[in-house]
Amino acid sequence: MKPKKQTKKPTFIAECPVCHSKCYFVIPKRMKKAEIAAKE
């Protein structure tokens, strides 16, 4: 695996409900925290 580069966009690790694999997701700045919580 290549080292993770620093990006300006906020990223978080979430587990896929289908394959249960850890993936990196990028959160758009325009997305509200409420929308993120609803996806969890």
PDB file of N, CA and C in Angstrom:
ATOM      1  N   MET A   1       0.838  -1.206   0.000  1.00  0.00           N
ATOM      2  CA  MET A   1       0.000   0.000   0.000  1.00  0.00           C
ATOM      3  C   MET A   1       0.868   1.249   0.000  1.00  0.00           C
ATOM      4  N   LYS A   2       0.455   2.203  -0.801  1.00  0.00           N
ATOM      5  CA  LYS A   2       1.193   3.467  -0.821  1.00  0.00           C
ATOM      6  C   LYS A   2       0.792   4.299   0.394  1.00  0.00           C
ATOM      7  N   PRO A   3       1.705   5.089   0.909  1.00  0.00           N
ATOM      8  CA  PRO A   3       1.373   5.941   2.056  1.00  0.00           C
ATOM      9  C   PRO A   3       0.287   6.935   1.685  1.00  0.00           C
ATOM     10  N   LYS A   4      -0.623   7.158   2.626  1.00  0.00           N
ATOM     11  CA  LYS A   4      -1.745   8.064   2.364  1.00  0.00           C
ATOM     12  C   LYS A   4      -1.244   9.496   2.292  1.00  0.00           C
ATOM     13  N   LYS A   5      -1.563  10.166   1.195  1.00  0.00           N
ATOM     14  CA  LYS A   5      -1.143  11.559   1.039  1.00  0.00           C
ATOM     15  C   LYS A   5      -2.095  12.482   1.786  1.00  0.00           C
ATOM     16  N   GLN A   6      -1.552  13.586   2.269  1.00  0.00           N
ATOM     17  CA  GLN A   6      -2.380  14.564   2.974  1.00  0.00           C
ATOM     18  C   GLN A   6      -3.233  15.317   1.961  1.00  0.00           C
ATOM     19  N   THR A   7      -4.533  15.324   2.193  1.00  0.00           N
ATOM     20  CA  THR A   7      -5.439  16.022   1.286  1.00  0.00           C
ATOM     21  C   THR A   7      -6.203  17.089   2.049  1.00  0.00           C
ATOM     22  N   LYS A   8      -6.635  18.103   1.337  1.00  0.00           N
ATOM     23  CA  LYS A   8      -7.387  19.186   1.971  1.00  0.00           C
ATOM     24  C   LYS A   8      -8.793  18.734   2.333  1.00  0.00           C
ATOM     25  N   LYS A   9      -9.306  17.769   1.573  1.00  0.00           N
ATOM     26  CA  LYS A   9     -10.660  17.283   1.848  1.00  0.00           C
ATOM     27  C   LYS A   9     -10.638  16.341   3.046  1.00  0.00           C
ATOM     28  N   PRO A  10     -11.604  16.466   3.938  1.00  0.00           N
ATOM     29  CA  PRO A  10     -11.656  15.583   5.105  1.00  0.00           C
ATOM     30  C   PRO A  10     -11.994  14.154   4.689  1.00  0.00           C
ATOM     31  N   THR A  11     -11.302  13.188   5.271  1.00  0.00           N
ATOM     32  CA  THR A  11     -11.566  11.790   4.945  1.00  0.00           C
ATOM     33  C   THR A  11     -11.785  10.998   6.224  1.00  0.00           C
ATOM     34  N   PHE A  12     -12.565   9.948   6.119  1.00  0.00           N
ATOM     35  CA  PHE A  12     -12.768   9.093   7.285  1.00  0.00           C
ATOM     36  C   PHE A  12     -12.882   7.650   6.818  1.00  0.00           C
ATOM     37  N   ILE A  13     -12.570   6.724   7.701  1.00  0.00           N
ATOM     38  CA  ILE A  13     -12.629   5.309   7.341  1.00  0.00           C
ATOM     39  C   ILE A  13     -13.991   4.743   7.727  1.00  0.00           C
ATOM     40  N   ALA A  14     -14.649   4.128   6.771  1.00  0.00           N
ATOM     41  CA  ALA A  14     -15.951   3.526   7.039  1.00  0.00           C
ATOM     42  C   ALA A  14     -15.934   2.084   6.553  1.00  0.00           C
ATOM     43  N   GLU A  15     -16.731   1.256   7.200  1.00  0.00           N
ATOM     44  CA  GLU A  15     -16.785  -0.150   6.815  1.00  0.00           C
ATOM     45  C   GLU A  15     -17.963  -0.387   5.885  1.00  0.00           C
ATOM     46  N   CYS A  16     -17.691  -1.019   4.758  1.00  0.00           N
ATOM     47  CA  CYS A  16     -18.752  -1.283   3.787  1.00  0.00           C
ATOM     48  C   CYS A  16     -19.738  -2.294   4.367  1.00  0.00           C
ATOM     49  N   PRO A  17     -21.034  -1.979   4.363  1.00  0.00           N
ATOM     50  CA  PRO A  17     -22.047  -2.885   4.916  1.00  0.00           C
ATOM     51  C   PRO A  17     -22.205  -4.163   4.090  1.00  0.00           C
ATOM     52  N   VAL A  18     -21.737  -4.126   2.837  1.00  0.00           N
ATOM     53  CA  VAL A  18     -21.895  -5.287   1.961  1.00  0.00           C
ATOM     54  C   VAL A  18     -20.714  -6.254   2.092  1.00  0.00           C
ATOM     55  N   CYS A  19     -19.509  -5.724   1.884  1.00  0.00           N
ATOM     56  CA  CYS A  19     -18.331  -6.601   1.887  1.00  0.00           C
ATOM     57  C   CYS A  19     -17.521  -6.475   3.175  1.00  0.00           C
ATOM     58  N   HIS A  20     -17.915  -5.569   4.066  1.00  0.00           N
ATOM     59  CA  HIS A  20     -17.234  -5.369   5.350  1.00  0.00           C
ATOM     60  C   HIS A  20     -15.753  -5.048   5.179  1.00  0.00           C
ATOM     61  N   SER A  21     -15.444  -4.275   4.142  1.00  0.00           N
ATOM     62  CA  SER A  21     -14.055  -3.880   3.942  1.00  0.00           C
ATOM     63  C   SER A  21     -13.884  -2.415   4.326  1.00  0.00           C
ATOM     64  N   LYS A  22     -12.706  -2.097   4.870  1.00  0.00           N
ATOM     65  CA  LYS A  22     -12.448  -0.723   5.294  1.00  0.00           C
ATOM     66  C   LYS A  22     -12.120   0.124   4.064  1.00  0.00           C
ATOM     67  N   CYS A  23     -12.866   1.207   3.881  1.00  0.00           N
ATOM     68  CA  CYS A  23     -12.650   2.076   2.728  1.00  0.00           C
ATOM     69  C   CYS A  23     -12.533   3.524   3.178  1.00  0.00           C
ATOM     70  N   TYR A  24     -11.840   4.304   2.377  1.00  0.00           N
ATOM     71  CA  TYR A  24     -11.720   5.728   2.679  1.00  0.00           C
ATOM     72  C   TYR A  24     -12.807   6.494   1.939  1.00  0.00           C
ATOM     73  N   PHE A  25     -13.515   7.351   2.658  1.00  0.00           N
ATOM     74  CA  PHE A  25     -14.548   8.162   2.040  1.00  0.00           C
ATOM     75  C   PHE A  25     -14.191   9.631   2.191  1.00  0.00           C
ATOM     76  N   VAL A  26     -14.459  10.408   1.144  1.00  0.00           N
ATOM     77  CA  VAL A  26     -14.182  11.840   1.198  1.00  0.00           C
ATOM     78  C   VAL A  26     -15.476  12.586   1.480  1.00  0.00           C
ATOM     79  N   ILE A  27     -15.433  13.462   2.460  1.00  0.00           N
ATOM     80  CA  ILE A  27     -16.628  14.217   2.824  1.00  0.00           C
ATOM     81  C   ILE A  27     -16.591  15.598   2.171  1.00  0.00           C
ATOM     82  N   PRO A  28     -17.540  15.871   1.278  1.00  0.00           N
ATOM     83  CA  PRO A  28     -17.616  17.212   0.675  1.00  0.00           C
ATOM     84  C   PRO A  28     -17.914  18.249   1.749  1.00  0.00           C
ATOM     85  N   LYS A  29     -17.322  19.441   1.608  1.00  0.00           N
ATOM     86  CA  LYS A  29     -17.527  20.490   2.604  1.00  0.00           C
ATOM     87  C   LYS A  29     -18.978  20.939   2.653  1.00  0.00           C
ATOM     88  N   ARG A  30     -19.675  20.814   1.515  1.00  0.00           N
ATOM     89  CA  ARG A  30     -21.065  21.278   1.476  1.00  0.00           C
ATOM     90  C   ARG A  30     -22.006  20.288   2.169  1.00  0.00           C
ATOM     91  N   MET A  31     -21.529  19.074   2.419  1.00  0.00           N
ATOM     92  CA  MET A  31     -22.369  18.087   3.083  1.00  0.00           C
ATOM     93  C   MET A  31     -22.458  18.394   4.571  1.00  0.00           C
ATOM     94  N   LYS A  32     -23.654  18.337   5.103  1.00  0.00           N
ATOM     95  CA  LYS A  32     -23.854  18.643   6.519  1.00  0.00           C
ATOM     96  C   LYS A  32     -23.577  17.406   7.367  1.00  0.00           C
ATOM     97  N   LYS A  33     -23.277  17.628   8.638  1.00  0.00           N
ATOM     98  CA  LYS A  33     -22.993  16.519   9.547  1.00  0.00           C
ATOM     99  C   LYS A  33     -24.217  15.630   9.715  1.00  0.00           C
ATOM    100  N   ALA A  34     -25.396  16.226   9.611  1.00  0.00           N
ATOM    101  CA  ALA A  34     -26.633  15.465   9.774  1.00  0.00           C
ATOM    102  C   ALA A  34     -26.765  14.427   8.659  1.00  0.00           C
ATOM    103  N   GLU A  35     -26.327  14.808   7.458  1.00  0.00           N
ATOM    104  CA  GLU A  35     -26.421  13.885   6.326  1.00  0.00           C
ATOM    105  C   GLU A  35     -25.443  12.730   6.504  1.00  0.00           C
ATOM    106  N   ILE A  36     -24.294  13.021   7.089  1.00  0.00           N
ATOM    107  CA  ILE A  36     -23.297  11.981   7.310  1.00  0.00           C
ATOM    108  C   ILE A  36     -23.790  10.999   8.369  1.00  0.00           C
ATOM    109  N   ALA A  37     -24.397  11.527   9.412  1.00  0.00           N
ATOM    110  CA  ALA A  37     -24.897  10.686  10.496  1.00  0.00           C
ATOM    111  C   ALA A  37     -26.033   9.789  10.008  1.00  0.00           C
ATOM    112  N   ALA A  38     -26.790  10.282   9.039  1.00  0.00           N
ATOM    113  CA  ALA A  38     -27.923   9.514   8.527  1.00  0.00           C
ATOM    114  C   ALA A  38     -27.435   8.300   7.739  1.00  0.00           C
ATOM    115  N   LYS A  39     -26.250   8.410   7.135  1.00  0.00           N
ATOM    116  CA  LYS A  39     -25.722   7.301   6.335  1.00  0.00           C
ATOM    117  C   LYS A  39     -25.145   6.202   7.210  1.00  0.00           C
ATOM    118  N   GLU A  40     -24.772   6.532   8.428  1.00  0.00           N
ATOM    119  CA  GLU A  40     -24.151   5.537   9.307  1.00  0.00           C
ATOM    120  C   GLU A  40     -25.155   4.503   9.782  1.00  0.00           C
TER     121      GLU A  40
END
